[in-house]
Amino acid sequence: MIDLNHIDALARRLSDLVPPGLRESREELQATFKSALQAGLARLDLVTREEFEVQRAVLLRTREKLDALELAVAQLEARTPDDA
């Protein structure tokens, strides 16, 4: 889940970039920026850091098993006489 405090801070920073003549409606602009940011982020296919770390750990374990299997196959091939 995306931290809404980060979205609020980004919306505030965007509204600060608006020229001084348009700042009368600063709260309205900030709300519009926040809404647009939330809508844009909602459309992205994002995962949480926790989900990412779980998948990373699974991938690392799979890599370790694959490496062990490759080594075992190489050792078996080295012991077997080549009849071909």
N, C-alpha and C. Protein backbone atom coordinates (compact mmCIF):
# COMPACT_ATOMS: atom_id res chain seq x y z
N MET A 1 0.84 -1.18 0.00
CA MET A 1 0.00 0.00 0.00
C MET A 1 0.89 1.24 0.00
N ILE A 2 0.47 2.23 -0.73
CA ILE A 2 1.24 3.45 -0.83
C ILE A 2 0.89 4.36 0.33
N ASP A 3 1.90 4.92 0.95
CA ASP A 3 1.73 5.80 2.09
C ASP A 3 1.07 7.10 1.63
N LEU A 4 -0.11 7.39 2.17
CA LEU A 4 -0.84 8.59 1.78
C LEU A 4 -0.12 9.86 2.20
N ASN A 5 0.73 9.78 3.21
CA ASN A 5 1.50 10.96 3.62
C ASN A 5 2.44 11.40 2.50
N HIS A 6 2.99 10.42 1.77
CA HIS A 6 3.87 10.75 0.64
C HIS A 6 3.07 11.43 -0.47
N ILE A 7 1.86 10.96 -0.70
CA ILE A 7 1.01 11.57 -1.73
C ILE A 7 0.64 12.99 -1.32
N ASP A 8 0.30 13.18 -0.05
CA ASP A 8 -0.02 14.52 0.45
C ASP A 8 1.17 15.46 0.28
N ALA A 9 2.35 14.98 0.65
CA ALA A 9 3.55 15.82 0.54
C ALA A 9 3.84 16.17 -0.92
N LEU A 10 3.68 15.21 -1.80
CA LEU A 10 3.91 15.48 -3.22
C LEU A 10 2.88 16.46 -3.77
N ALA A 11 1.64 16.31 -3.36
CA ALA A 11 0.59 17.24 -3.79
C ALA A 11 0.89 18.66 -3.30
N ARG A 12 1.38 18.79 -2.07
CA ARG A 12 1.75 20.10 -1.54
C ARG A 12 2.91 20.70 -2.33
N ARG A 13 3.90 19.86 -2.65
CA ARG A 13 5.04 20.36 -3.42
C ARG A 13 4.62 20.80 -4.82
N LEU A 14 3.70 20.06 -5.42
CA LEU A 14 3.21 20.45 -6.74
C LEU A 14 2.45 21.78 -6.66
N SER A 15 1.63 21.93 -5.64
CA SER A 15 0.87 23.18 -5.52
C SER A 15 1.80 24.36 -5.22
N ASP A 16 2.94 24.11 -4.59
CA ASP A 16 3.92 25.17 -4.35
C ASP A 16 4.57 25.64 -5.65
N LEU A 17 4.58 24.81 -6.67
CA LEU A 17 5.19 25.14 -7.96
C LEU A 17 4.27 26.00 -8.84
N VAL A 18 3.02 26.13 -8.44
CA VAL A 18 2.06 26.92 -9.22
C VAL A 18 2.43 28.40 -9.11
N PRO A 19 2.34 29.13 -10.21
CA PRO A 19 2.66 30.57 -10.17
C PRO A 19 1.83 31.31 -9.12
N PRO A 20 2.41 32.36 -8.53
CA PRO A 20 1.75 33.09 -7.43
C PRO A 20 0.35 33.60 -7.78
N GLY A 21 0.10 33.97 -9.01
CA GLY A 21 -1.21 34.48 -9.39
C GLY A 21 -2.32 33.45 -9.28
N LEU A 22 -1.96 32.17 -9.32
CA LEU A 22 -2.97 31.10 -9.27
C LEU A 22 -3.09 30.46 -7.89
N ARG A 23 -2.36 30.96 -6.94
CA ARG A 23 -2.31 30.31 -5.63
C ARG A 23 -3.51 30.60 -4.74
N GLU A 24 -4.45 31.44 -5.19
CA GLU A 24 -5.62 31.70 -4.37
C GLU A 24 -6.38 30.40 -4.11
N SER A 25 -6.41 29.54 -5.08
CA SER A 25 -7.14 28.28 -4.94
C SER A 25 -6.17 27.14 -4.61
N ARG A 26 -5.22 27.43 -3.74
CA ARG A 26 -4.17 26.46 -3.41
C ARG A 26 -4.72 25.15 -2.86
N GLU A 27 -5.68 25.22 -1.94
CA GLU A 27 -6.25 24.01 -1.36
C GLU A 27 -6.95 23.18 -2.42
N GLU A 28 -7.64 23.87 -3.33
CA GLU A 28 -8.33 23.16 -4.40
C GLU A 28 -7.32 22.49 -5.33
N LEU A 29 -6.26 23.21 -5.67
CA LEU A 29 -5.21 22.62 -6.52
C LEU A 29 -4.55 21.43 -5.83
N GLN A 30 -4.29 21.57 -4.56
CA GLN A 30 -3.66 20.49 -3.81
C GLN A 30 -4.55 19.26 -3.80
N ALA A 31 -5.86 19.46 -3.59
CA ALA A 31 -6.80 18.34 -3.61
C ALA A 31 -6.86 17.70 -4.99
N THR A 32 -6.81 18.52 -6.04
CA THR A 32 -6.83 17.99 -7.40
C THR A 32 -5.57 17.19 -7.68
N PHE A 33 -4.43 17.72 -7.29
CA PHE A 33 -3.17 16.99 -7.48
C PHE A 33 -3.20 15.66 -6.72
N LYS A 34 -3.67 15.70 -5.49
CA LYS A 34 -3.73 14.49 -4.68
C LYS A 34 -4.63 13.45 -5.33
N SER A 35 -5.79 13.88 -5.80
CA SER A 35 -6.72 12.97 -6.46
C SER A 35 -6.12 12.37 -7.73
N ALA A 36 -5.45 13.20 -8.52
CA ALA A 36 -4.83 12.71 -9.75
C ALA A 36 -3.70 11.73 -9.44
N LEU A 37 -2.91 12.03 -8.42
CA LEU A 37 -1.83 11.11 -8.04
C LEU A 37 -2.37 9.77 -7.56
N GLN A 38 -3.41 9.81 -6.74
CA GLN A 38 -3.99 8.57 -6.24
C GLN A 38 -4.58 7.75 -7.38
N ALA A 39 -5.27 8.40 -8.31
CA ALA A 39 -5.86 7.68 -9.43
C ALA A 39 -4.78 7.06 -10.31
N GLY A 40 -3.72 7.82 -10.57
CA GLY A 40 -2.64 7.30 -11.39
C GLY A 40 -1.93 6.13 -10.74
N LEU A 41 -1.68 6.22 -9.46
CA LEU A 41 -1.01 5.13 -8.75
C LEU A 41 -1.90 3.91 -8.62
N ALA A 42 -3.21 4.12 -8.51
CA ALA A 42 -4.14 3.00 -8.39
C ALA A 42 -4.15 2.16 -9.66
N ARG A 43 -3.88 2.78 -10.81
CA ARG A 43 -3.87 2.04 -12.08
C ARG A 43 -2.62 1.20 -12.26
N LEU A 44 -1.58 1.50 -11.51
CA LEU A 44 -0.33 0.75 -11.65
C LEU A 44 -0.45 -0.60 -10.95
N ASP A 45 0.25 -1.57 -11.48
CA ASP A 45 0.25 -2.91 -10.90
C ASP A 45 1.43 -3.01 -9.94
N LEU A 46 1.26 -2.45 -8.73
CA LEU A 46 2.34 -2.39 -7.76
C LEU A 46 2.17 -3.46 -6.69
N VAL A 47 3.28 -3.86 -6.10
CA VAL A 47 3.24 -4.79 -4.97
C VAL A 47 3.86 -4.09 -3.77
N THR A 48 3.55 -4.60 -2.61
CA THR A 48 4.13 -4.03 -1.40
C THR A 48 5.58 -4.48 -1.26
N ARG A 49 6.33 -3.80 -0.45
CA ARG A 49 7.72 -4.18 -0.19
C ARG A 49 7.76 -5.59 0.39
N GLU A 50 6.81 -5.91 1.28
CA GLU A 50 6.77 -7.23 1.90
C GLU A 50 6.56 -8.32 0.84
N GLU A 51 5.60 -8.11 -0.07
CA GLU A 51 5.37 -9.08 -1.14
C GLU A 51 6.61 -9.25 -2.01
N PHE A 52 7.28 -8.13 -2.30
CA PHE A 52 8.48 -8.17 -3.10
C PHE A 52 9.57 -9.00 -2.41
N GLU A 53 9.77 -8.76 -1.11
CA GLU A 53 10.80 -9.47 -0.37
C GLU A 53 10.51 -10.96 -0.27
N VAL A 54 9.23 -11.33 -0.13
CA VAL A 54 8.85 -12.74 -0.09
C VAL A 54 9.21 -13.41 -1.42
N GLN A 55 8.84 -12.77 -2.53
CA GLN A 55 9.15 -13.34 -3.84
C GLN A 55 10.66 -13.39 -4.09
N ARG A 56 11.36 -12.41 -3.60
CA ARG A 56 12.82 -12.39 -3.74
C ARG A 56 13.44 -13.58 -3.00
N ALA A 57 12.95 -13.85 -1.79
CA ALA A 57 13.46 -14.97 -1.01
C ALA A 57 13.16 -16.30 -1.71
N VAL A 58 11.97 -16.43 -2.27
CA VAL A 58 11.60 -17.64 -3.00
C VAL A 58 12.53 -17.82 -4.20
N LEU A 59 12.78 -16.76 -4.92
CA LEU A 59 13.67 -16.81 -6.07
C LEU A 59 15.09 -17.21 -5.67
N LEU A 60 15.58 -16.66 -4.57
CA LEU A 60 16.93 -17.02 -4.11
C LEU A 60 17.02 -18.49 -3.73
N ARG A 61 15.99 -19.00 -3.03
CA ARG A 61 15.98 -20.43 -2.68
C ARG A 61 15.92 -21.29 -3.93
N THR A 62 15.14 -20.89 -4.91
CA THR A 62 15.05 -21.63 -6.16
C THR A 62 16.39 -21.64 -6.88
N ARG A 63 17.06 -20.49 -6.90
CA ARG A 63 18.39 -20.41 -7.53
C ARG A 63 19.37 -21.34 -6.84
N GLU A 64 19.34 -21.39 -5.50
CA GLU A 64 20.24 -22.27 -4.75
C GLU A 64 19.98 -23.73 -5.08
N LYS A 65 18.71 -24.12 -5.17
CA LYS A 65 18.36 -25.50 -5.52
C LYS A 65 18.80 -25.83 -6.94
N LEU A 66 18.61 -24.89 -7.86
CA LEU A 66 19.03 -25.11 -9.24
C LEU A 66 20.54 -25.29 -9.32
N ASP A 67 21.28 -24.46 -8.61
CA ASP A 67 22.74 -24.58 -8.60
C ASP A 67 23.18 -25.93 -8.05
N ALA A 68 22.51 -26.39 -6.98
CA ALA A 68 22.85 -27.68 -6.39
C ALA A 68 22.53 -28.82 -7.37
N LEU A 69 21.40 -28.73 -8.05
CA LEU A 69 21.05 -29.75 -9.03
C LEU A 69 22.03 -29.76 -10.20
N GLU A 70 22.43 -28.61 -10.68
CA GLU A 70 23.41 -28.54 -11.77
C GLU A 70 24.74 -29.18 -11.35
N LEU A 71 25.14 -28.94 -10.13
CA LEU A 71 26.37 -29.54 -9.62
C LEU A 71 26.24 -31.05 -9.53
N ALA A 72 25.10 -31.54 -9.03
CA ALA A 72 24.88 -32.98 -8.92
C ALA A 72 24.88 -33.64 -10.29
N VAL A 73 24.26 -33.03 -11.27
CA VAL A 73 24.23 -33.58 -12.63
C VAL A 73 25.65 -33.60 -13.20
N ALA A 74 26.39 -32.55 -12.99
CA ALA A 74 27.77 -32.50 -13.49
C ALA A 74 28.62 -33.60 -12.86
N GLN A 75 28.43 -33.85 -11.56
CA GLN A 75 29.18 -34.91 -10.88
C GLN A 75 28.77 -36.28 -11.41
N LEU A 76 27.50 -36.49 -11.64
CA LEU A 76 27.03 -37.76 -12.20
C LEU A 76 27.57 -37.97 -13.61
N GLU A 77 27.57 -36.92 -14.39
CA GLU A 77 28.08 -37.03 -15.75
C GLU A 77 29.58 -37.33 -15.75
N ALA A 78 30.30 -36.80 -14.78
CA ALA A 78 31.73 -37.03 -14.71
C ALA A 78 32.04 -38.49 -14.32
N ARG A 79 31.17 -39.11 -13.56
CA ARG A 79 31.40 -40.50 -13.13
C ARG A 79 30.95 -41.51 -14.18
N THR A 80 30.05 -41.15 -15.06
CA THR A 80 29.51 -42.08 -16.03
C THR A 80 30.41 -42.11 -17.26
N PRO A 81 30.86 -43.33 -17.65
CA PRO A 81 31.65 -43.41 -18.89
C PRO A 81 30.81 -43.00 -20.10
N ASP A 82 31.44 -42.35 -21.01
CA ASP A 82 30.73 -41.86 -22.21
C ASP A 82 30.73 -42.97 -23.25
N ASP A 83 29.56 -43.58 -23.52
CA ASP A 83 29.43 -44.68 -24.46
C ASP A 83 29.14 -44.19 -25.88
N ALA A 84 28.93 -42.92 -26.05
CA ALA A 84 28.53 -42.42 -27.34
C ALA A 84 29.58 -42.37 -28.33
